Full PDB file with SEQRES, HELIX, SHEET, SSBOND, CRYST1, ORIGX, SCALE, CONECT and MASTER records, all heavy atoms in Angstrom:
SEQRES   1 A   39  LEU GLN HIS GLY THR ARG LEU VAL TRP LEU VAL LEU PRO          
SEQRES   2 A   39  ASP ARG ALA ALA ALA GLU VAL CYS ARG GLN GLY ASP ASP          
SEQRES   3 A   39  GLY THR VAL ASP TYR GLU PHE VAL GLY PRO ASP GLY SER          
HELIX    1 AA1 PRO A   13  ARG A   15  5                                   3    
SHEET    1 AA1 3 VAL A   8  LEU A  12  0                                        
SHEET    2 AA1 3 ALA A  17  GLN A  23 -1                                        
SHEET    3 AA1 3 VAL A  29  VAL A  34 -1                                        
CRYST1    1.000    1.000    1.000  90.00  90.00  90.00 P 1           1          
ORIGX1      1.000000  0.000000  0.000000        0.00000                         
ORIGX2      0.000000  1.000000  0.000000        0.00000                         
ORIGX3      0.000000  0.000000  1.000000        0.00000                         
SCALE1      1.000000  0.000000  0.000000        0.00000                         
SCALE2      0.000000  1.000000  0.000000        0.00000                         
SCALE3      0.000000  0.000000  1.000000        0.00000                         
ATOM      1  N   LEU A   1     107.905 102.817 112.675  1.00  0.00           N  
ATOM      2  CA  LEU A   1     109.086 102.112 112.182  1.00  0.00           C  
ATOM      3  C   LEU A   1     110.333 102.478 112.986  1.00  0.00           C  
ATOM      4  O   LEU A   1     111.155 101.615 113.296  1.00  0.00           O  
ATOM      5  CB  LEU A   1     109.284 102.406 110.692  1.00  0.00           C  
ATOM      6  CG  LEU A   1     108.199 101.823 109.772  1.00  0.00           C  
ATOM      7  CD1 LEU A   1     108.295 102.433 108.375  1.00  0.00           C  
ATOM      8  CD2 LEU A   1     108.268 100.306 109.713  1.00  0.00           C  
ATOM      9  N   GLN A   2     110.478 103.735 113.338  1.00  0.00           N  
ATOM     10  CA  GLN A   2     111.652 104.172 114.109  1.00  0.00           C  
ATOM     11  C   GLN A   2     111.654 103.594 115.518  1.00  0.00           C  
ATOM     12  O   GLN A   2     112.699 103.522 116.156  1.00  0.00           O  
ATOM     13  CB  GLN A   2     111.705 105.697 114.169  1.00  0.00           C  
ATOM     14  CG  GLN A   2     112.033 106.331 112.848  1.00  0.00           C  
ATOM     15  CD  GLN A   2     111.697 107.819 112.812  1.00  0.00           C  
ATOM     16  OE1 GLN A   2     111.152 108.375 113.762  1.00  0.00           O  
ATOM     17  NE2 GLN A   2     112.010 108.453 111.696  1.00  0.00           N  
ATOM     18  N   HIS A   3     110.483 103.192 116.014  1.00  0.00           N  
ATOM     19  CA  HIS A   3     110.392 102.667 117.381  1.00  0.00           C  
ATOM     20  C   HIS A   3     110.221 101.154 117.445  1.00  0.00           C  
ATOM     21  O   HIS A   3     109.907 100.615 118.498  1.00  0.00           O  
ATOM     22  CB  HIS A   3     109.270 103.386 118.136  1.00  0.00           C  
ATOM     23  CG  HIS A   3     109.641 104.791 118.482  1.00  0.00           C  
ATOM     24  ND1 HIS A   3     109.428 105.840 117.617  1.00  0.00           N  
ATOM     25  CD2 HIS A   3     110.248 105.308 119.571  1.00  0.00           C  
ATOM     26  CE1 HIS A   3     109.884 106.944 118.175  1.00  0.00           C  
ATOM     27  NE2 HIS A   3     110.388 106.656 119.355  1.00  0.00           N  
ATOM     28  N   GLY A   4     110.421 100.455 116.314  1.00  0.00           N  
ATOM     29  CA  GLY A   4     110.457  98.994 116.369  1.00  0.00           C  
ATOM     30  C   GLY A   4     109.424  98.236 115.572  1.00  0.00           C  
ATOM     31  O   GLY A   4     109.511  97.015 115.463  1.00  0.00           O  
ATOM     32  N   THR A   5     108.427  98.915 115.023  1.00  0.00           N  
ATOM     33  CA  THR A   5     107.465  98.222 114.163  1.00  0.00           C  
ATOM     34  C   THR A   5     108.193  97.838 112.876  1.00  0.00           C  
ATOM     35  O   THR A   5     108.997  98.605 112.346  1.00  0.00           O  
ATOM     36  CB  THR A   5     106.255  99.139 113.865  1.00  0.00           C  
ATOM     37  OG1 THR A   5     105.593  99.401 115.107  1.00  0.00           O  
ATOM     38  CG2 THR A   5     105.277  98.488 112.893  1.00  0.00           C  
ATOM     39  N   ARG A   6     107.917  96.652 112.377  1.00  0.00           N  
ATOM     40  CA  ARG A   6     108.651  96.164 111.207  1.00  0.00           C  
ATOM     41  C   ARG A   6     107.960  96.469 109.879  1.00  0.00           C  
ATOM     42  O   ARG A   6     108.614  96.521 108.838  1.00  0.00           O  
ATOM     43  CB  ARG A   6     108.882  94.669 111.362  1.00  0.00           C  
ATOM     44  CG  ARG A   6     109.778  94.389 112.554  1.00  0.00           C  
ATOM     45  CD  ARG A   6     109.858  92.946 112.979  1.00  0.00           C  
ATOM     46  NE  ARG A   6     109.944  91.996 111.902  1.00  0.00           N  
ATOM     47  CZ  ARG A   6     109.522  90.748 112.001  1.00  0.00           C  
ATOM     48  NH1 ARG A   6     108.985  90.313 113.117  1.00  0.00           N  
ATOM     49  NH2 ARG A   6     109.630  89.924 110.998  1.00  0.00           N  
ATOM     50  N   LEU A   7     106.632  96.655 109.907  1.00  0.00           N  
ATOM     51  CA  LEU A   7     105.883  96.859 108.679  1.00  0.00           C  
ATOM     52  C   LEU A   7     104.659  97.716 108.992  1.00  0.00           C  
ATOM     53  O   LEU A   7     103.998  97.503 110.013  1.00  0.00           O  
ATOM     54  CB  LEU A   7     105.435  95.500 108.122  1.00  0.00           C  
ATOM     55  CG  LEU A   7     104.678  95.442 106.813  1.00  0.00           C  
ATOM     56  CD1 LEU A   7     105.538  95.934 105.645  1.00  0.00           C  
ATOM     57  CD2 LEU A   7     104.218  94.005 106.541  1.00  0.00           C  
ATOM     58  N   VAL A   8     104.372  98.694 108.122  1.00  0.00           N  
ATOM     59  CA  VAL A   8     103.193  99.545 108.301  1.00  0.00           C  
ATOM     60  C   VAL A   8     102.412  99.567 106.994  1.00  0.00           C  
ATOM     61  O   VAL A   8     102.999  99.720 105.916  1.00  0.00           O  
ATOM     62  CB  VAL A   8     103.585 100.992 108.691  1.00  0.00           C  
ATOM     63  CG1 VAL A   8     102.334 101.867 108.819  1.00  0.00           C  
ATOM     64  CG2 VAL A   8     104.378 101.015 109.996  1.00  0.00           C  
ATOM     65  N   TRP A   9     101.096  99.386 107.123  1.00  0.00           N  
ATOM     66  CA  TRP A   9     100.201  99.550 105.970  1.00  0.00           C  
ATOM     67  C   TRP A   9      99.372 100.803 106.195  1.00  0.00           C  
ATOM     68  O   TRP A   9      98.750 100.963 107.248  1.00  0.00           O  
ATOM     69  CB  TRP A   9      99.244  98.376 105.828  1.00  0.00           C  
ATOM     70  CG  TRP A   9      99.868  97.044 105.553  1.00  0.00           C  
ATOM     71  CD1 TRP A   9     101.094  96.785 105.008  1.00  0.00           C  
ATOM     72  CD2 TRP A   9      99.274  95.770 105.829  1.00  0.00           C  
ATOM     73  NE1 TRP A   9     101.300  95.426 104.925  1.00  0.00           N  
ATOM     74  CE2 TRP A   9     100.197  94.778 105.421  1.00  0.00           C  
ATOM     75  CE3 TRP A   9      98.062  95.373 106.377  1.00  0.00           C  
ATOM     76  CZ2 TRP A   9      99.929  93.419 105.538  1.00  0.00           C  
ATOM     77  CZ3 TRP A   9      97.798  94.021 106.498  1.00  0.00           C  
ATOM     78  CH2 TRP A   9      98.723  93.060 106.072  1.00  0.00           C  
ATOM     79  N   LEU A  10      99.343 101.673 105.197  1.00  0.00           N  
ATOM     80  CA  LEU A  10      98.459 102.829 105.206  1.00  0.00           C  
ATOM     81  C   LEU A  10      97.332 102.516 104.225  1.00  0.00           C  
ATOM     82  O   LEU A  10      97.576 102.375 103.027  1.00  0.00           O  
ATOM     83  CB  LEU A  10      99.206 104.096 104.778  1.00  0.00           C  
ATOM     84  CG  LEU A  10     100.437 104.468 105.604  1.00  0.00           C  
ATOM     85  CD1 LEU A  10     101.110 105.711 105.022  1.00  0.00           C  
ATOM     86  CD2 LEU A  10     100.074 104.670 107.061  1.00  0.00           C  
ATOM     87  N   VAL A  11      96.123 102.370 104.732  1.00  0.00           N  
ATOM     88  CA  VAL A  11      94.980 102.005 103.901  1.00  0.00           C  
ATOM     89  C   VAL A  11      94.277 103.282 103.444  1.00  0.00           C  
ATOM     90  O   VAL A  11      93.984 104.156 104.257  1.00  0.00           O  
ATOM     91  CB  VAL A  11      94.020 101.067 104.682  1.00  0.00           C  
ATOM     92  CG1 VAL A  11      92.787 100.742 103.864  1.00  0.00           C  
ATOM     93  CG2 VAL A  11      94.759  99.791 105.090  1.00  0.00           C  
ATOM     94  N   LEU A  12      94.018 103.362 102.152  1.00  0.00           N  
ATOM     95  CA  LEU A  12      93.488 104.573 101.525  1.00  0.00           C  
ATOM     96  C   LEU A  12      92.095 104.292 100.958  1.00  0.00           C  
ATOM     97  O   LEU A  12      91.953 103.924  99.786  1.00  0.00           O  
ATOM     98  CB  LEU A  12      94.436 105.038 100.412  1.00  0.00           C  
ATOM     99  CG  LEU A  12      95.929 105.087 100.801  1.00  0.00           C  
ATOM    100  CD1 LEU A  12      96.797 105.382  99.597  1.00  0.00           C  
ATOM    101  CD2 LEU A  12      96.153 106.087 101.922  1.00  0.00           C  
ATOM    102  N   PRO A  13      91.048 104.452 101.772  1.00  0.00           N  
ATOM    103  CA  PRO A  13      89.690 104.108 101.332  1.00  0.00           C  
ATOM    104  C   PRO A  13      89.225 104.857 100.092  1.00  0.00           C  
ATOM    105  O   PRO A  13      88.539 104.278  99.251  1.00  0.00           O  
ATOM    106  CB  PRO A  13      88.812 104.474 102.532  1.00  0.00           C  
ATOM    107  CG  PRO A  13      89.723 104.498 103.689  1.00  0.00           C  
ATOM    108  CD  PRO A  13      91.062 104.909 103.156  1.00  0.00           C  
ATOM    109  N   ASP A  14      89.608 106.131  99.958  1.00  0.00           N  
ATOM    110  CA  ASP A  14      89.144 106.917  98.815  1.00  0.00           C  
ATOM    111  C   ASP A  14      89.724 106.425  97.493  1.00  0.00           C  
ATOM    112  O   ASP A  14      89.220 106.765  96.426  1.00  0.00           O  
ATOM    113  CB  ASP A  14      89.458 108.406  99.021  1.00  0.00           C  
ATOM    114  CG  ASP A  14      90.914 108.684  99.335  1.00  0.00           C  
ATOM    115  OD1 ASP A  14      91.626 107.761  99.793  1.00  0.00           O  
ATOM    116  OD2 ASP A  14      91.356 109.830  99.141  1.00  0.00           O  
ATOM    117  N   ARG A  15      90.760 105.596  97.551  1.00  0.00           N  
ATOM    118  CA  ARG A  15      91.387 105.060  96.339  1.00  0.00           C  
ATOM    119  C   ARG A  15      91.280 103.541  96.260  1.00  0.00           C  
ATOM    120  O   ARG A  15      91.792 102.942  95.318  1.00  0.00           O  
ATOM    121  CB  ARG A  15      92.854 105.480  96.300  1.00  0.00           C  
ATOM    122  CG  ARG A  15      93.005 107.005  96.271  1.00  0.00           C  
ATOM    123  CD  ARG A  15      94.435 107.442  96.334  1.00  0.00           C  
ATOM    124  NE  ARG A  15      95.100 107.154  95.073  1.00  0.00           N  
ATOM    125  CZ  ARG A  15      96.385 107.380  94.870  1.00  0.00           C  
ATOM    126  NH1 ARG A  15      97.133 107.907  95.812  1.00  0.00           N  
ATOM    127  NH2 ARG A  15      96.942 107.088  93.715  1.00  0.00           N  
ATOM    128  N   ALA A  16      90.675 102.901  97.283  1.00  0.00           N  
ATOM    129  CA  ALA A  16      90.618 101.432  97.382  1.00  0.00           C  
ATOM    130  C   ALA A  16      92.031 100.863  97.200  1.00  0.00           C  
ATOM    131  O   ALA A  16      92.237  99.871  96.508  1.00  0.00           O  
ATOM    132  CB  ALA A  16      89.636 100.840  96.374  1.00  0.00           C  
ATOM    133  N   ALA A  17      92.976 101.514  97.861  1.00  0.00           N  
ATOM    134  CA  ALA A  17      94.385 101.176  97.695  1.00  0.00           C  
ATOM    135  C   ALA A  17      95.086 101.224  99.052  1.00  0.00           C  
ATOM    136  O   ALA A  17      94.447 101.438 100.087  1.00  0.00           O  
ATOM    137  CB  ALA A  17      95.027 102.155  96.714  1.00  0.00           C  
ATOM    138  N   ALA A  18      96.403 101.039  99.019  1.00  0.00           N  
ATOM    139  CA  ALA A  18      97.190 101.086 100.254  1.00  0.00           C  
ATOM    140  C   ALA A  18      98.610 101.526  99.919  1.00  0.00           C  
ATOM    141  O   ALA A  18      99.021 101.535  98.758  1.00  0.00           O  
ATOM    142  CB  ALA A  18      97.199  99.725 100.932  1.00  0.00           C  
ATOM    143  N   GLU A  19      99.322 101.884 100.961  1.00  0.00           N  
ATOM    144  CA  GLU A  19     100.738 102.189 100.842  1.00  0.00           C  
ATOM    145  C   GLU A  19     101.450 101.330 101.879  1.00  0.00           C  
ATOM    146  O   GLU A  19     101.052 101.303 103.043  1.00  0.00           O  
ATOM    147  CB  GLU A  19     100.963 103.678 101.097  1.00  0.00           C  
ATOM    148  CG  GLU A  19     102.270 104.174 100.561  1.00  0.00           C  
ATOM    149  CD  GLU A  19     102.346 105.695 100.543  1.00  0.00           C  
ATOM    150  OE1 GLU A  19     102.727 106.265 101.581  1.00  0.00           O  
ATOM    151  OE2 GLU A  19     102.027 106.298  99.504  1.00  0.00           O  
ATOM    152  N   VAL A  20     102.468 100.621 101.448  1.00  0.00           N  
ATOM    153  CA  VAL A  20     103.254  99.766 102.340  1.00  0.00           C  
ATOM    154  C   VAL A  20     104.510 100.536 102.716  1.00  0.00           C  
ATOM    155  O   VAL A  20     105.212 101.066 101.846  1.00  0.00           O  
ATOM    156  CB  VAL A  20     103.610  98.424 101.655  1.00  0.00           C  
ATOM    157  CG1 VAL A  20     104.471  97.567 102.565  1.00  0.00           C  
ATOM    158  CG2 VAL A  20     102.337  97.674 101.250  1.00  0.00           C  
ATOM    159  N   CYS A  21     104.789 100.603 104.018  1.00  0.00           N  
ATOM    160  CA  CYS A  21     105.925 101.379 104.522  1.00  0.00           C  
ATOM    161  C   CYS A  21     106.896 100.443 105.234  1.00  0.00           C  
ATOM    162  O   CYS A  21     106.498  99.647 106.084  1.00  0.00           O  
ATOM    163  CB  CYS A  21     105.448 102.448 105.505  1.00  0.00           C  
ATOM    164  SG  CYS A  21     104.066 103.426 104.911  1.00  0.00           S  
ATOM    165  N   ARG A  22     108.162 100.577 104.853  1.00  0.00           N  
ATOM    166  CA  ARG A  22     109.228  99.782 105.471  1.00  0.00           C  
ATOM    167  C   ARG A  22     110.409 100.702 105.759  1.00  0.00           C  
ATOM    168  O   ARG A  22     110.638 101.659 105.016  1.00  0.00           O  
ATOM    169  CB  ARG A  22     109.716  98.693 104.526  1.00  0.00           C  
ATOM    170  CG  ARG A  22     108.688  97.746 104.029  1.00  0.00           C  
ATOM    171  CD  ARG A  22     109.308  96.850 102.915  1.00  0.00           C  
ATOM    172  NE  ARG A  22     108.285  96.206 102.165  1.00  0.00           N  
ATOM    173  CZ  ARG A  22     107.672  96.710 101.094  1.00  0.00           C  
ATOM    174  NH1 ARG A  22     107.994  97.899 100.642  1.00  0.00           N  
ATOM    175  NH2 ARG A  22     106.756  96.026 100.462  1.00  0.00           N  
ATOM    176  N   GLN A  23     111.162 100.366 106.789  1.00  0.00           N  
ATOM    177  CA  GLN A  23     112.361 101.154 107.075  1.00  0.00           C  
ATOM    178  C   GLN A  23     113.523 100.562 106.301  1.00  0.00           C  
ATOM    179  O   GLN A  23     113.800  99.359 106.385  1.00  0.00           O  
ATOM    180  CB  GLN A  23     112.664 101.158 108.571  1.00  0.00           C  
ATOM    181  CG  GLN A  23     113.742 102.147 108.924  1.00  0.00           C  
ATOM    182  CD  GLN A  23     113.713 102.535 110.383  1.00  0.00           C  
ATOM    183  OE1 GLN A  23     113.002 101.957 111.171  1.00  0.00           O  
ATOM    184  NE2 GLN A  23     114.488 103.533 110.739  1.00  0.00           N  
ATOM    185  N   GLY A  24     114.197 101.415 105.523  1.00  0.00           N  
ATOM    186  CA  GLY A  24     115.353 100.971 104.751  1.00  0.00           C  
ATOM    187  C   GLY A  24     116.568 100.784 105.637  1.00  0.00           C  
ATOM    188  O   GLY A  24     116.596 101.211 106.798  1.00  0.00           O  
ATOM    189  N   ASP A  25     117.579 100.166 105.082  1.00  0.00           N  
ATOM    190  CA  ASP A  25     118.818  99.921 105.822  1.00  0.00           C  
ATOM    191  C   ASP A  25     119.483 101.208 106.281  1.00  0.00           C  
ATOM    192  O   ASP A  25     120.177 101.239 107.298  1.00  0.00           O  
ATOM    193  CB  ASP A  25     119.805  99.120 104.966  1.00  0.00           C  
ATOM    194  CG  ASP A  25     119.311  97.705 104.689  1.00  0.00           C  
ATOM    195  OD1 ASP A  25     118.506  97.180 105.500  1.00  0.00           O  
ATOM    196  OD2 ASP A  25     119.721  97.131 103.656  1.00  0.00           O  
ATOM    197  N   ASP A  26     119.249 102.308 105.553  1.00  0.00           N  
ATOM    198  CA  ASP A  26     119.852 103.587 105.907  1.00  0.00           C  
ATOM    199  C   ASP A  26     118.989 104.406 106.865  1.00  0.00           C  
ATOM    200  O   ASP A  26     119.300 105.554 107.162  1.00  0.00           O  
ATOM    201  CB  ASP A  26     120.148 104.402 104.646  1.00  0.00           C  
ATOM    202  CG  ASP A  26     118.894 104.723 103.850  1.00  0.00           C  
ATOM    203  OD1 ASP A  26     117.790 104.261 104.221  1.00  0.00           O  
ATOM    204  OD2 ASP A  26     119.017 105.447 102.840  1.00  0.00           O  
ATOM    205  N   GLY A  27     117.872 103.808 107.353  1.00  0.00           N  
ATOM    206  CA  GLY A  27     117.008 104.499 108.307  1.00  0.00           C  
ATOM    207  C   GLY A  27     115.888 105.303 107.671  1.00  0.00           C  
ATOM    208  O   GLY A  27     115.005 105.777 108.371  1.00  0.00           O  
ATOM    209  N   THR A  28     115.925 105.476 106.357  1.00  0.00           N  
ATOM    210  CA  THR A  28     114.842 106.193 105.684  1.00  0.00           C  
ATOM    211  C   THR A  28     113.650 105.254 105.519  1.00  0.00           C  
ATOM    212  O   THR A  28     113.783 104.035 105.605  1.00  0.00           O  
ATOM    213  CB  THR A  28     115.279 106.721 104.306  1.00  0.00           C  
ATOM    214  OG1 THR A  28     115.644 105.607 103.486  1.00  0.00           O  
ATOM    215  CG2 THR A  28     116.430 107.695 104.426  1.00  0.00           C  
ATOM    216  N   VAL A  29     112.493 105.832 105.281  1.00  0.00           N  
ATOM    217  CA  VAL A  29     111.290 105.026 105.089  1.00  0.00           C  
ATOM    218  C   VAL A  29     111.012 104.895 103.599  1.00  0.00           C  
ATOM    219  O   VAL A  29     111.030 105.884 102.863  1.00  0.00           O  
ATOM    220  CB  VAL A  29     110.077 105.660 105.810  1.00  0.00           C  
ATOM    221  CG1 VAL A  29     108.816 104.837 105.575  1.00  0.00           C  
ATOM    222  CG2 VAL A  29     110.359 105.779 107.302  1.00  0.00           C  
ATOM    223  N   ASP A  30     110.789 103.657 103.173  1.00  0.00           N  
ATOM    224  CA  ASP A  30     110.426 103.378 101.790  1.00  0.00           C  
ATOM    225  C   ASP A  30     108.920 103.181 101.724  1.00  0.00           C  
ATOM    226  O   ASP A  30     108.338 102.503 102.576  1.00  0.00           O  
ATOM    227  CB  ASP A  30     111.122 102.100 101.296  1.00  0.00           C  
ATOM    228  CG  ASP A  30     112.640 102.212 101.328  1.00  0.00           C  
ATOM    229  OD1 ASP A  30     113.159 103.297 100.980  1.00  0.00           O  
ATOM    230  OD2 ASP A  30     113.294 101.222 101.706  1.00  0.00           O  
ATOM    231  N   TYR A  31     108.290 103.790 100.710  1.00  0.00           N  
ATOM    232  CA  TYR A  31     106.846 103.705 100.526  1.00  0.00           C  
ATOM    233  C   TYR A  31     106.562 103.009  99.206  1.00  0.00           C  
ATOM    234  O   TYR A  31     107.139 103.369  98.180  1.00  0.00           O  
ATOM    235  CB  TYR A  31     106.221 105.112 100.493  1.00  0.00           C  
ATOM    236  CG  TYR A  31     106.511 105.927 101.734  1.00  0.00           C  
ATOM    237  CD1 TYR A  31     107.550 106.849 101.755  1.00  0.00           C  
ATOM    238  CD2 TYR A  31     105.752 105.764 102.888  1.00  0.00           C  
ATOM    239  CE1 TYR A  31     107.824 107.591 102.887  1.00  0.00           C  
ATOM    240  CE2 TYR A  31     106.016 106.507 104.026  1.00  0.00           C  
ATOM    241  CZ  TYR A  31     107.057 107.419 104.020  1.00  0.00           C  
ATOM    242  OH  TYR A  31     107.325 108.152 105.136  1.00  0.00           O  
ATOM    243  N   GLU A  32     105.661 102.043  99.241  1.00  0.00           N  
ATOM    244  CA  GLU A  32     105.269 101.326  98.023  1.00  0.00           C  
ATOM    245  C   GLU A  32     103.761 101.406  97.880  1.00  0.00           C  
ATOM    246  O   GLU A  32     103.023 100.945  98.754  1.00  0.00           O  
ATOM    247  CB  GLU A  32     105.705  99.860  98.101  1.00  0.00           C  
ATOM    248  CG  GLU A  32     105.269  99.033  96.926  1.00  0.00           C  
ATOM    249  CD  GLU A  32     105.524  97.544  97.114  1.00  0.00           C  
ATOM    250  OE1 GLU A  32     106.197  97.150  98.088  1.00  0.00           O  
ATOM    251  OE2 GLU A  32     105.014  96.767  96.280  1.00  0.00           O  
ATOM    252  N   PHE A  33     103.300 101.984  96.773  1.00  0.00           N  
ATOM    253  CA  PHE A  33     101.867 102.089  96.507  1.00  0.00           C  
ATOM    254  C   PHE A  33     101.348 100.750  95.991  1.00  0.00           C  
ATOM    255  O   PHE A  33     101.961 100.119  95.138  1.00  0.00           O  
ATOM    256  CB  PHE A  33     101.600 103.193  95.474  1.00  0.00           C  
ATOM    257  CG  PHE A  33     100.143 103.355  95.157  1.00  0.00           C  
ATOM    258  CD1 PHE A  33      99.305 104.044  96.022  1.00  0.00           C  
ATOM    259  CD2 PHE A  33      99.603 102.811  94.006  1.00  0.00           C  
ATOM    260  CE1 PHE A  33      97.954 104.194  95.747  1.00  0.00           C  
ATOM    261  CE2 PHE A  33      98.256 102.960  93.715  1.00  0.00           C  
ATOM    262  CZ  PHE A  33      97.428 103.644  94.579  1.00  0.00           C  
ATOM    263  N   VAL A  34     100.210 100.319  96.538  1.00  0.00           N  
ATOM    264  CA  VAL A  34      99.547  99.096  96.091  1.00  0.00           C  
ATOM    265  C   VAL A  34      98.153  99.491  95.624  1.00  0.00           C  
ATOM    266  O   VAL A  34      97.338  99.964  96.420  1.00  0.00           O  
ATOM    267  CB  VAL A  34      99.455  98.045  97.233  1.00  0.00           C  
ATOM    268  CG1 VAL A  34      98.745  96.790  96.744  1.00  0.00           C  
ATOM    269  CG2 VAL A  34     100.837  97.718  97.787  1.00  0.00           C  
ATOM    270  N   GLY A  35      97.900  99.334  94.334  1.00  0.00           N  
ATOM    271  CA  GLY A  35      96.633  99.744  93.749  1.00  0.00           C  
ATOM    272  C   GLY A  35      95.499  98.770  94.034  1.00  0.00           C  
ATOM    273  O   GLY A  35      95.703  97.703  94.634  1.00  0.00           O  
ATOM    274  N   PRO A  36      94.300  99.114  93.579  1.00  0.00           N  
ATOM    275  CA  PRO A  36      93.103  98.311  93.856  1.00  0.00           C  
ATOM    276  C   PRO A  36      93.189  96.854  93.400  1.00  0.00           C  
ATOM    277  O   PRO A  36      92.521  95.997  93.960  1.00  0.00           O  
ATOM    278  CB  PRO A  36      91.989  99.045  93.097  1.00  0.00           C  
ATOM    279  CG  PRO A  36      92.481 100.435  92.923  1.00  0.00           C  
ATOM    280  CD  PRO A  36      93.977 100.340  92.843  1.00  0.00           C  
ATOM    281  N   ASP A  37      94.025  96.577  92.392  1.00  0.00           N  
ATOM    282  CA  ASP A  37      94.164  95.202  91.917  1.00  0.00           C  
ATOM    283  C   ASP A  37      95.302  94.461  92.618  1.00  0.00           C  
ATOM    284  O   ASP A  37      95.575  93.298  92.300  1.00  0.00           O  
ATOM    285  CB  ASP A  37      94.404  95.190  90.405  1.00  0.00           C  
ATOM    286  CG  ASP A  37      93.198  95.711  89.639  1.00  0.00           C  
ATOM    287  OD1 ASP A  37      92.062  95.536  90.126  1.00  0.00           O  
ATOM    288  OD2 ASP A  37      93.405  96.321  88.570  1.00  0.00           O  
ATOM    289  N   GLY A  38      95.959  95.125  93.564  1.00  0.00           N  
ATOM    290  CA  GLY A  38      97.100  94.530  94.247  1.00  0.00           C  
ATOM    291  C   GLY A  38      96.726  93.832  95.535  1.00  0.00           C  
ATOM    292  O   GLY A  38      95.555  93.702  95.894  1.00  0.00           O  
ATOM    293  N   SER A  39      97.761  93.376  96.253  1.00  0.00           N  
ATOM    294  CA  SER A  39      97.586  92.638  97.503  1.00  0.00           C  
ATOM    295  C   SER A  39      98.523  93.176  98.566  1.00  0.00           C  
ATOM    296  O   SER A  39      99.610  93.662  98.259  1.00  0.00           O  
ATOM    297  CB  SER A  39      97.913  91.158  97.301  1.00  0.00           C  
ATOM    298  OG  SER A  39      97.037  90.564  96.388  1.00  0.00           O  
TER     299      SER A  39                                                      
MASTER        0    0    0    1    3    0    0    6  298    1    0    3          
END                                                                             
C-alpha cells in the first residue's frame, strides 16, 4: 500500500476468511475482517 498498491487481500485458509487492507487518508492501514459468509 505504501508503494502504490490500492487494495490488498490477505486470505486466511485456516479460517476460510480474509482480511481486506486499505490505506487510509492519514497513511495508516485499515484492516477489515471478512468472515466465511462474506465476499
